[in-house]
């Protein structure tokens, strides 16, 4: 940590984040490796809204990806350290 005055910091001005569109998945399918894919039909940024039914104590794990490998399975190497993982219990 380098000690310095915080007075030199200037906040970045941006437009506020707002909902532009509500999209639904275009397809739900399984990869050759058996992963369940919720295909949104496009690369996107946003929030997820979903309902889960299951037994108490079960875990739902959402893993975000942008592309599939040549066999049609999840491929995440292109996003390197930007791993997006969401566990619901």
N, C-alpha and C. Protein backbone atom coordinates (compact mmCIF):
# COMPACT_ATOMS: atom_id res chain seq x y z
N UNK A 1 0.84 -1.18 0.00
CA UNK A 1 0.00 0.00 0.00
C UNK A 1 0.88 1.24 0.00
N UNK A 2 0.53 2.16 -0.86
CA UNK A 2 1.29 3.40 -0.97
C UNK A 2 0.47 4.51 -0.33
N UNK A 3 1.01 5.14 0.69
CA UNK A 3 0.25 6.22 1.33
C UNK A 3 0.18 7.45 0.41
N UNK A 4 -1.02 7.95 0.19
CA UNK A 4 -1.19 9.18 -0.59
C UNK A 4 -2.53 9.81 -0.22
N UNK A 5 -2.70 11.03 -0.60
CA UNK A 5 -3.92 11.75 -0.29
C UNK A 5 -5.06 11.26 -1.19
N UNK A 6 -6.22 11.04 -0.61
CA UNK A 6 -7.39 10.60 -1.37
C UNK A 6 -8.02 11.76 -2.14
N UNK A 7 -7.54 12.97 -1.93
CA UNK A 7 -8.11 14.14 -2.61
C UNK A 7 -7.85 14.11 -4.11
N UNK A 8 -6.90 13.30 -4.58
CA UNK A 8 -6.62 13.25 -6.01
C UNK A 8 -7.59 12.32 -6.75
N UNK A 9 -8.39 11.56 -6.01
CA UNK A 9 -9.33 10.63 -6.63
C UNK A 9 -10.56 11.38 -7.14
N UNK A 10 -10.97 11.03 -8.35
CA UNK A 10 -12.14 11.65 -8.96
C UNK A 10 -13.12 10.54 -9.34
N UNK A 11 -14.38 10.63 -8.92
CA UNK A 11 -15.33 9.56 -9.26
C UNK A 11 -15.64 9.56 -10.76
N UNK A 12 -15.81 8.35 -11.30
CA UNK A 12 -16.15 8.22 -12.71
C UNK A 12 -17.65 8.46 -12.87
N UNK A 13 -18.02 9.26 -13.84
CA UNK A 13 -19.42 9.54 -14.09
C UNK A 13 -19.94 8.63 -15.20
N UNK A 14 -21.05 7.96 -14.93
CA UNK A 14 -21.66 7.04 -15.89
C UNK A 14 -23.16 7.16 -15.82
N UNK A 15 -23.80 6.63 -16.83
CA UNK A 15 -25.25 6.50 -16.80
C UNK A 15 -25.60 5.42 -15.79
N UNK A 16 -26.72 5.53 -15.08
CA UNK A 16 -27.09 4.49 -14.13
C UNK A 16 -27.45 3.19 -14.86
N UNK A 17 -27.25 2.07 -14.21
CA UNK A 17 -27.61 0.78 -14.77
C UNK A 17 -29.12 0.64 -14.70
N UNK A 18 -29.73 0.34 -15.81
CA UNK A 18 -31.18 0.17 -15.87
C UNK A 18 -31.55 -1.06 -16.68
N UNK A 19 -32.72 -1.60 -16.42
CA UNK A 19 -33.20 -2.74 -17.19
C UNK A 19 -33.65 -2.24 -18.55
N UNK A 20 -33.12 -2.84 -19.59
CA UNK A 20 -33.47 -2.45 -20.95
C UNK A 20 -34.45 -3.43 -21.57
N UNK A 21 -34.25 -4.70 -21.25
CA UNK A 21 -35.02 -5.74 -21.91
C UNK A 21 -35.14 -6.94 -21.00
N UNK A 22 -36.25 -7.66 -21.07
CA UNK A 22 -36.43 -8.92 -20.36
C UNK A 22 -36.43 -10.01 -21.41
N UNK A 23 -35.44 -10.91 -21.35
CA UNK A 23 -35.39 -11.98 -22.35
C UNK A 23 -35.57 -13.33 -21.67
N UNK A 24 -36.13 -14.23 -22.42
CA UNK A 24 -36.34 -15.59 -21.94
C UNK A 24 -35.37 -16.51 -22.66
N UNK A 25 -35.01 -17.64 -22.05
CA UNK A 25 -34.13 -18.60 -22.72
C UNK A 25 -34.75 -19.08 -24.03
N UNK A 26 -33.87 -19.30 -25.01
CA UNK A 26 -34.35 -19.81 -26.30
C UNK A 26 -34.35 -21.34 -26.34
N UNK A 27 -33.57 -21.95 -25.44
CA UNK A 27 -33.48 -23.41 -25.45
C UNK A 27 -32.94 -23.92 -24.12
N UNK A 28 -33.39 -25.10 -23.74
CA UNK A 28 -32.89 -25.82 -22.57
C UNK A 28 -32.48 -27.20 -23.07
N UNK A 29 -31.20 -27.57 -22.89
CA UNK A 29 -30.70 -28.84 -23.44
C UNK A 29 -29.53 -29.35 -22.63
N UNK A 30 -29.11 -30.58 -22.90
CA UNK A 30 -27.97 -31.22 -22.23
C UNK A 30 -26.79 -31.32 -23.19
N UNK A 31 -25.60 -31.02 -22.68
CA UNK A 31 -24.37 -31.19 -23.46
C UNK A 31 -24.03 -32.68 -23.52
N UNK A 32 -23.09 -33.07 -24.38
CA UNK A 32 -22.64 -34.46 -24.39
C UNK A 32 -22.11 -34.94 -23.04
N UNK A 33 -21.55 -34.02 -22.22
CA UNK A 33 -21.07 -34.38 -20.88
C UNK A 33 -22.19 -34.43 -19.85
N UNK A 34 -23.42 -34.11 -20.25
CA UNK A 34 -24.56 -34.18 -19.34
C UNK A 34 -24.88 -32.90 -18.60
N UNK A 35 -24.21 -31.80 -18.92
CA UNK A 35 -24.50 -30.51 -18.27
C UNK A 35 -25.81 -29.96 -18.83
N UNK A 36 -26.64 -29.42 -17.96
CA UNK A 36 -27.90 -28.81 -18.38
C UNK A 36 -27.61 -27.36 -18.76
N UNK A 37 -27.93 -26.98 -19.98
CA UNK A 37 -27.63 -25.64 -20.48
C UNK A 37 -28.92 -24.85 -20.67
N UNK A 38 -28.92 -23.66 -20.13
CA UNK A 38 -30.00 -22.70 -20.32
C UNK A 38 -29.46 -21.68 -21.32
N UNK A 39 -29.85 -21.82 -22.57
CA UNK A 39 -29.31 -21.00 -23.66
C UNK A 39 -30.13 -19.73 -23.81
N UNK A 40 -29.48 -18.59 -23.58
CA UNK A 40 -30.16 -17.30 -23.68
C UNK A 40 -30.15 -16.77 -25.12
N UNK A 41 -29.46 -17.45 -26.02
CA UNK A 41 -29.47 -17.06 -27.41
C UNK A 41 -28.54 -15.92 -27.77
N UNK A 42 -27.84 -15.38 -26.79
CA UNK A 42 -26.91 -14.28 -27.03
C UNK A 42 -25.97 -14.13 -25.84
N UNK A 43 -24.85 -13.48 -26.07
CA UNK A 43 -23.96 -13.12 -24.99
C UNK A 43 -24.57 -11.88 -24.35
N UNK A 44 -24.70 -11.90 -23.03
CA UNK A 44 -25.45 -10.82 -22.39
C UNK A 44 -24.89 -10.46 -21.02
N UNK A 45 -25.34 -9.35 -20.52
CA UNK A 45 -25.06 -8.91 -19.16
C UNK A 45 -26.41 -8.69 -18.51
N UNK A 46 -26.55 -9.11 -17.26
CA UNK A 46 -27.83 -8.86 -16.62
C UNK A 46 -28.03 -9.67 -15.37
N UNK A 47 -29.27 -9.74 -14.95
CA UNK A 47 -29.67 -10.47 -13.76
C UNK A 47 -30.47 -11.68 -14.17
N UNK A 48 -30.49 -12.68 -13.31
CA UNK A 48 -31.29 -13.87 -13.54
C UNK A 48 -32.48 -13.88 -12.59
N UNK A 49 -33.61 -14.28 -13.12
CA UNK A 49 -34.82 -14.45 -12.32
C UNK A 49 -35.34 -15.84 -12.66
N UNK A 50 -35.41 -16.71 -11.66
CA UNK A 50 -35.84 -18.07 -11.93
C UNK A 50 -36.46 -18.69 -10.70
N UNK A 51 -37.18 -19.77 -10.92
CA UNK A 51 -37.83 -20.52 -9.85
C UNK A 51 -37.25 -21.92 -9.84
N UNK A 52 -36.95 -22.41 -8.66
CA UNK A 52 -36.37 -23.75 -8.52
C UNK A 52 -37.28 -24.60 -7.67
N UNK A 53 -37.50 -25.81 -8.13
CA UNK A 53 -38.25 -26.78 -7.35
C UNK A 53 -37.34 -27.96 -7.06
N UNK A 54 -37.36 -28.43 -5.83
CA UNK A 54 -36.51 -29.56 -5.47
C UNK A 54 -36.71 -29.91 -4.01
N UNK A 55 -35.85 -30.78 -3.54
CA UNK A 55 -35.90 -31.23 -2.15
C UNK A 55 -35.06 -30.29 -1.28
N UNK A 56 -35.46 -30.15 -0.03
CA UNK A 56 -34.71 -29.34 0.92
C UNK A 56 -33.27 -29.86 1.01
N UNK A 57 -32.33 -28.95 0.98
CA UNK A 57 -30.92 -29.31 1.08
C UNK A 57 -30.23 -29.53 -0.26
N UNK A 58 -30.99 -29.64 -1.34
CA UNK A 58 -30.37 -29.77 -2.65
C UNK A 58 -29.71 -28.45 -3.04
N UNK A 59 -28.70 -28.52 -3.90
CA UNK A 59 -27.99 -27.33 -4.35
C UNK A 59 -28.16 -27.16 -5.85
N UNK A 60 -28.41 -25.93 -6.26
CA UNK A 60 -28.43 -25.58 -7.67
C UNK A 60 -27.19 -24.74 -7.92
N UNK A 61 -26.42 -25.10 -8.92
CA UNK A 61 -25.20 -24.36 -9.25
C UNK A 61 -25.33 -23.80 -10.66
N UNK A 62 -25.24 -22.48 -10.78
CA UNK A 62 -25.28 -21.82 -12.08
C UNK A 62 -23.86 -21.44 -12.46
N UNK A 63 -23.43 -21.86 -13.63
CA UNK A 63 -22.10 -21.53 -14.13
C UNK A 63 -22.30 -20.81 -15.46
N UNK A 64 -21.77 -19.62 -15.56
CA UNK A 64 -21.94 -18.83 -16.77
C UNK A 64 -20.80 -19.10 -17.74
N UNK A 65 -21.12 -19.17 -19.02
CA UNK A 65 -20.12 -19.37 -20.06
C UNK A 65 -20.57 -18.63 -21.31
N UNK A 66 -19.64 -18.46 -22.23
CA UNK A 66 -19.94 -17.75 -23.47
C UNK A 66 -19.96 -18.66 -24.69
N UNK A 67 -19.18 -19.72 -24.65
CA UNK A 67 -19.05 -20.59 -25.83
C UNK A 67 -19.02 -22.05 -25.42
N UNK A 68 -19.13 -22.91 -26.41
CA UNK A 68 -19.00 -24.35 -26.21
C UNK A 68 -17.73 -24.83 -26.88
N UNK A 69 -17.19 -25.96 -26.43
CA UNK A 69 -16.01 -26.52 -27.08
C UNK A 69 -16.43 -27.25 -28.37
N UNK A 70 -15.48 -27.84 -29.06
CA UNK A 70 -15.77 -28.48 -30.35
C UNK A 70 -16.69 -29.69 -30.23
N UNK A 71 -16.82 -30.25 -29.02
CA UNK A 71 -17.74 -31.38 -28.80
C UNK A 71 -19.13 -30.91 -28.33
N UNK A 72 -19.29 -29.60 -28.09
CA UNK A 72 -20.58 -29.08 -27.65
C UNK A 72 -20.73 -29.02 -26.14
N UNK A 73 -19.63 -29.06 -25.40
CA UNK A 73 -19.65 -28.97 -23.94
C UNK A 73 -19.26 -27.57 -23.49
N UNK A 74 -19.55 -27.26 -22.23
CA UNK A 74 -19.20 -25.96 -21.66
C UNK A 74 -17.70 -25.71 -21.83
N UNK A 75 -17.34 -24.52 -22.25
CA UNK A 75 -15.94 -24.10 -22.39
C UNK A 75 -15.79 -22.76 -21.70
N UNK A 76 -14.89 -22.71 -20.71
CA UNK A 76 -14.74 -21.48 -19.92
C UNK A 76 -13.31 -20.95 -19.89
N UNK A 77 -12.41 -21.57 -20.63
CA UNK A 77 -11.01 -21.12 -20.61
C UNK A 77 -10.87 -19.70 -21.17
N UNK A 78 -11.78 -19.30 -22.07
CA UNK A 78 -11.67 -17.98 -22.68
C UNK A 78 -11.94 -16.85 -21.69
N UNK A 79 -12.62 -17.14 -20.57
CA UNK A 79 -12.89 -16.08 -19.60
C UNK A 79 -11.86 -16.06 -18.47
N UNK A 80 -10.87 -16.95 -18.55
CA UNK A 80 -9.74 -17.01 -17.63
C UNK A 80 -10.16 -16.89 -16.17
N UNK A 81 -9.77 -15.81 -15.48
CA UNK A 81 -10.04 -15.68 -14.04
C UNK A 81 -11.42 -15.09 -13.75
N UNK A 82 -12.16 -14.70 -14.76
CA UNK A 82 -13.48 -14.08 -14.55
C UNK A 82 -14.55 -15.16 -14.40
N UNK A 83 -14.35 -16.06 -13.48
CA UNK A 83 -15.28 -17.16 -13.27
C UNK A 83 -16.58 -16.67 -12.66
N UNK A 84 -17.68 -16.99 -13.26
CA UNK A 84 -19.00 -16.64 -12.76
C UNK A 84 -19.68 -17.90 -12.25
N UNK A 85 -19.87 -17.99 -10.96
CA UNK A 85 -20.45 -19.17 -10.33
C UNK A 85 -21.42 -18.73 -9.26
N UNK A 86 -22.60 -19.33 -9.25
CA UNK A 86 -23.64 -18.95 -8.31
C UNK A 86 -24.25 -20.21 -7.74
N UNK A 87 -24.16 -20.39 -6.42
CA UNK A 87 -24.74 -21.55 -5.76
C UNK A 87 -25.97 -21.14 -4.98
N UNK A 88 -27.03 -21.92 -5.13
CA UNK A 88 -28.28 -21.68 -4.39
C UNK A 88 -28.55 -22.91 -3.56
N UNK A 89 -28.82 -22.72 -2.33
CA UNK A 89 -29.09 -23.85 -1.45
C UNK A 89 -30.39 -23.66 -0.73
